[in-house]
C-alpha atoms as a PDB file:
ATOM      1  CA  MET A   1      -7.979   0.949  -6.958  1.00  0.00           C
ATOM      2  CA  TYR A   2      -6.481  -2.461  -6.280  1.00  0.00           C
ATOM      3  CA  ALA A   3      -3.268  -2.793  -4.194  1.00  0.00           C
ATOM      4  CA  HIS A   4      -1.075  -5.703  -3.128  1.00  0.00           C
ATOM      5  CA  LEU A   5      -0.115  -5.115   0.511  1.00  0.00           C
ATOM      6  CA  TYR A   6       2.903  -6.752   1.677  1.00  0.00           C
ATOM      7  CA  ASN A   7       3.212  -8.482   5.030  1.00  0.00           C
ATOM      8  CA  THR A   8       5.346  -6.404   7.232  1.00  0.00           C
ATOM      9  CA  ASP A   9       6.511  -9.283   9.369  1.00  0.00           C
ATOM     10  CA  THR A  10       8.345 -10.795   6.344  1.00  0.00           C
ATOM     11  CA  MET A  11       9.350  -7.556   4.696  1.00  0.00           C
ATOM     12  CA  GLY A  12      12.945  -7.515   3.567  1.00  0.00           C
ATOM     13  CA  SER A  13      12.446  -7.374  -0.201  1.00  0.00           C
ATOM     14  CA  LEU A  14       9.675  -7.572  -2.648  1.00  0.00           C
ATOM     15  CA  PHE A  15       9.720 -11.232  -3.879  1.00  0.00           C
ATOM     16  CA  ARG A  16       6.749 -13.126  -5.152  1.00  0.00           C
ATOM     17  CA  SER A  17       7.022 -15.664  -2.380  1.00  0.00           C
ATOM     18  CA  GLU A  18       6.448 -13.089   0.481  1.00  0.00           C
ATOM     19  CA  GLY A  19       3.040 -12.850   2.134  1.00  0.00           C
ATOM     20  CA  MET A  20       0.710 -10.196   0.684  1.00  0.00           C
ATOM     21  CA  ALA A  21      -2.991  -9.540   0.331  1.00  0.00           C
ATOM     22  CA  LEU A  22      -4.993  -8.146  -2.488  1.00  0.00           C
ATOM     23  CA  CYS A  23      -7.048  -5.199  -1.258  1.00  0.00           C
ATOM     24  CA  GLN A  24      -9.397  -2.827  -2.960  1.00  0.00           C
ATOM     25  CA  LEU A  25      -9.219   0.776  -1.685  1.00  0.00           C
ATOM     26  CA  PHE A  26     -11.978   3.409  -2.102  1.00  0.00           C
ATOM     27  CA  LEU A  27     -10.443   6.823  -1.606  1.00  0.00           C
ATOM     28  CA  GLN A  28     -12.166  10.121  -1.743  1.00  0.00           C
ATOM     29  CA  SER A  29     -10.479  12.139  -4.596  1.00  0.00           C
ATOM     30  CA  GLU A  30      -9.591  14.908  -2.099  1.00  0.00           C
ATOM     31  CA  SER A  31      -7.506  12.564  -0.022  1.00  0.00           C
ATOM     32  CA  ALA A  32      -6.240  10.106  -2.751  1.00  0.00           C
ATOM     33  CA  TYR A  33      -2.932  11.937  -3.299  1.00  0.00           C
ATOM     34  CA  THR A  34      -2.108  11.863   0.372  1.00  0.00           C
ATOM     35  CA  CYS A  35      -3.030   8.272   0.942  1.00  0.00           C
ATOM     36  CA  VAL A  36      -1.280   6.939  -2.072  1.00  0.00           C
ATOM     37  CA  SER A  37       1.727   9.085  -1.348  1.00  0.00           C
ATOM     38  CA  GLU A  38       1.867   7.622   2.259  1.00  0.00           C
ATOM     39  CA  LEU A  39       1.459   4.151   1.197  1.00  0.00           C
ATOM     40  CA  GLY A  40       4.128   4.570  -1.531  1.00  0.00           C
ATOM     41  CA  GLU A  41       6.671   5.993   0.958  1.00  0.00           C
ATOM     42  CA  LEU A  42       6.104   2.976   3.186  1.00  0.00           C
ATOM     43  CA  GLY A  43       7.231   0.872   0.377  1.00  0.00           C
ATOM     44  CA  LEU A  44       4.819  -1.933   1.258  1.00  0.00           C
ATOM     45  CA  VAL A  45       2.287  -1.554  -1.635  1.00  0.00           C
ATOM     46  CA  GLN A  46       2.181  -2.479  -5.288  1.00  0.00           C
ATOM     47  CA  PHE A  47      -0.624  -0.951  -7.332  1.00  0.00           C
ATOM     48  CA  ARG A  48      -2.594  -2.685  -9.884  1.00  0.00           C
ATOM     49  CA  ASP A  49      -3.729  -0.750 -12.966  1.00  0.00           C
ATOM     50  CA  LEU A  50      -7.503  -1.294 -13.361  1.00  0.00           C
ATOM     51  CA  ASN A  51      -7.644   0.545 -16.772  1.00  0.00           C
ATOM     52  CA  PRO A  52      -4.718  -0.834 -18.889  1.00  0.00           C
ATOM     53  CA  ASP A  53      -6.487  -0.067 -21.972  1.00  0.00           C
ATOM     54  CA  VAL A  54      -6.747   3.794 -21.233  1.00  0.00           C
ATOM     55  CA  ASN A  55      -4.288   5.773 -23.056  1.00  0.00           C
ATOM     56  CA  ALA A  56      -1.766   7.596 -20.761  1.00  0.00           C
ATOM     57  CA  PHE A  57      -3.105  11.008 -21.934  1.00  0.00           C
ATOM     58  CA  GLN A  58      -6.660  10.103 -21.014  1.00  0.00           C
ATOM     59  CA  ARG A  59      -5.822   9.403 -17.221  1.00  0.00           C
ATOM     60  CA  LYS A  60      -7.021  11.841 -14.610  1.00  0.00           C
ATOM     61  CA  PHE A  61      -3.634  12.934 -13.202  1.00  0.00           C
ATOM     62  CA  VAL A  62      -1.679  13.110 -16.440  1.00  0.00           C
ATOM     63  CA  ASN A  63      -0.774  16.706 -16.096  1.00  0.00           C
ATOM     64  CA  GLU A  64       0.574  16.124 -12.535  1.00  0.00           C
ATOM     65  CA  VAL A  65       2.588  13.160 -13.669  1.00  0.00           C
ATOM     66  CA  ARG A  66       4.046  15.238 -16.578  1.00  0.00           C
ATOM     67  CA  ARG A  67       5.049  18.020 -14.135  1.00  0.00           C
ATOM     68  CA  CYS A  68       6.697  15.572 -11.976  1.00  0.00           C
ATOM     69  CA  ASP A  69       8.571  14.037 -14.999  1.00  0.00           C
ATOM     70  CA  GLU A  70       9.718  17.476 -15.938  1.00  0.00           C
ATOM     71  CA  MET A  71      10.923  18.427 -12.544  1.00  0.00           C
ATOM     72  CA  GLU A  72      12.856  15.168 -12.344  1.00  0.00           C
ATOM     73  CA  ARG A  73      14.437  15.961 -15.673  1.00  0.00           C
ATOM     74  CA  LYS A  74      15.461  19.493 -14.435  1.00  0.00           C
ATOM     75  CA  LEU A  75      16.831  18.114 -11.101  1.00  0.00           C
ATOM     76  CA  ARG A  76      18.872  15.422 -12.978  1.00  0.00           C
ATOM     77  CA  TYR A  77      20.252  18.101 -15.179  1.00  0.00           C
ATOM     78  CA  LEU A  78      21.189  20.279 -12.107  1.00  0.00           C
ATOM     79  CA  GLU A  79      22.876  17.236 -10.393  1.00  0.00           C
ATOM     80  CA  ARG A  80      24.833  16.413 -13.604  1.00  0.00           C
ATOM     81  CA  GLU A  81      26.123  20.083 -13.759  1.00  0.00           C
ATOM     82  CA  ILE A  82      26.917  20.270 -10.086  1.00  0.00           C
ATOM     83  CA  ARG A  83      28.897  16.914 -10.427  1.00  0.00           C
ATOM     84  CA  LYS A  84      30.572  18.173 -13.507  1.00  0.00           C
ATOM     85  CA  ASP A  85      31.900  21.169 -11.587  1.00  0.00           C
ATOM     86  CA  GLY A  86      33.292  18.822  -9.041  1.00  0.00           C
ATOM     87  CA  ILE A  87      30.964  19.854  -6.131  1.00  0.00           C
ATOM     88  CA  PRO A  88      30.272  16.971  -3.858  1.00  0.00           C
ATOM     89  CA  VAL A  89      26.671  15.869  -3.584  1.00  0.00           C
ATOM     90  CA  LEU A  90      25.541  14.267  -0.379  1.00  0.00           C
ATOM     91  CA  ASP A  91      23.501  11.034  -1.099  1.00  0.00           C
ATOM     92  CA  THR A  92      21.785   9.853   2.051  1.00  0.00           C
ATOM     93  CA  GLY A  93      20.214   6.884   0.218  1.00  0.00           C
ATOM     94  CA  GLU A  94      16.795   8.106   1.216  1.00  0.00           C
ATOM     95  CA  ASN A  95      14.002   9.357  -0.951  1.00  0.00           C
ATOM     96  CA  PRO A  96      12.427  12.581   0.224  1.00  0.00           C
ATOM     97  CA  GLU A  97       8.732  12.561   1.112  1.00  0.00           C
ATOM     98  CA  ALA A  98       6.307  13.264  -1.794  1.00  0.00           C
ATOM     99  CA  PRO A  99       5.472  17.031  -1.897  1.00  0.00           C
ATOM    100  CA  MET A 100       1.767  18.107  -1.509  1.00  0.00           C
ATOM    101  CA  PRO A 101       0.413  19.276  -4.745  1.00  0.00           C
ATOM    102  CA  ARG A 102       0.289  22.846  -3.533  1.00  0.00           C
ATOM    103  CA  GLU A 103       4.023  22.692  -2.819  1.00  0.00           C
ATOM    104  CA  MET A 104       4.788  21.625  -6.339  1.00  0.00           C
ATOM    105  CA  ILE A 105       4.447  25.116  -7.780  1.00  0.00           C
ATOM    106  CA  ASP A 106       7.001  26.394  -5.169  1.00  0.00           C
ATOM    107  CA  LEU A 107       9.315  23.687  -6.150  1.00  0.00           C
ATOM    108  CA  GLU A 108       8.965  24.279  -9.876  1.00  0.00           C
ATOM    109  CA  VAL A 109       9.578  28.020  -9.302  1.00  0.00           C
ATOM    110  CA  SER A 110      12.710  27.504  -7.179  1.00  0.00           C
ATOM    111  CA  ILE A 111      14.201  24.915  -9.632  1.00  0.00           C
ATOM    112  CA  ILE A 112      13.434  27.389 -12.635  1.00  0.00           C
ATOM    113  CA  VAL A 113      15.085  30.201 -10.646  1.00  0.00           C
ATOM    114  CA  ASN A 114      18.109  28.050  -9.910  1.00  0.00           C
ATOM    115  CA  LEU A 115      18.393  27.072 -13.657  1.00  0.00           C
ATOM    116  CA  ILE A 116      18.170  30.740 -14.728  1.00  0.00           C
ATOM    117  CA  SER A 117      20.720  31.921 -12.089  1.00  0.00           C
ATOM    118  CA  SER A 118      23.334  29.080 -12.995  1.00  0.00           C
END
């Protein structure tokens, strides 16, 4: 995987003129999720697709991406319904940390339970 790493000394926004380095990362598949998640949360990395010709359905983590998209859709629905009922929603402006894959199942179940009980 190739990644553009941004210089943290000039980090303010992701403009092309900011210093960056092109790096190639070799990650073991067991630790790839955690490493990419941590790098993404730092906001200092831009990843380059090394397989642009590969169909989205042929990619290795397509099922995980679909699950995340589905959970995001359900959460947007819940937020819309909460706002429609006039209940205030606290917006801290921060993104939560990415859950570990084993935590995804618990999140999915809790979202489904909340949807059913509402």
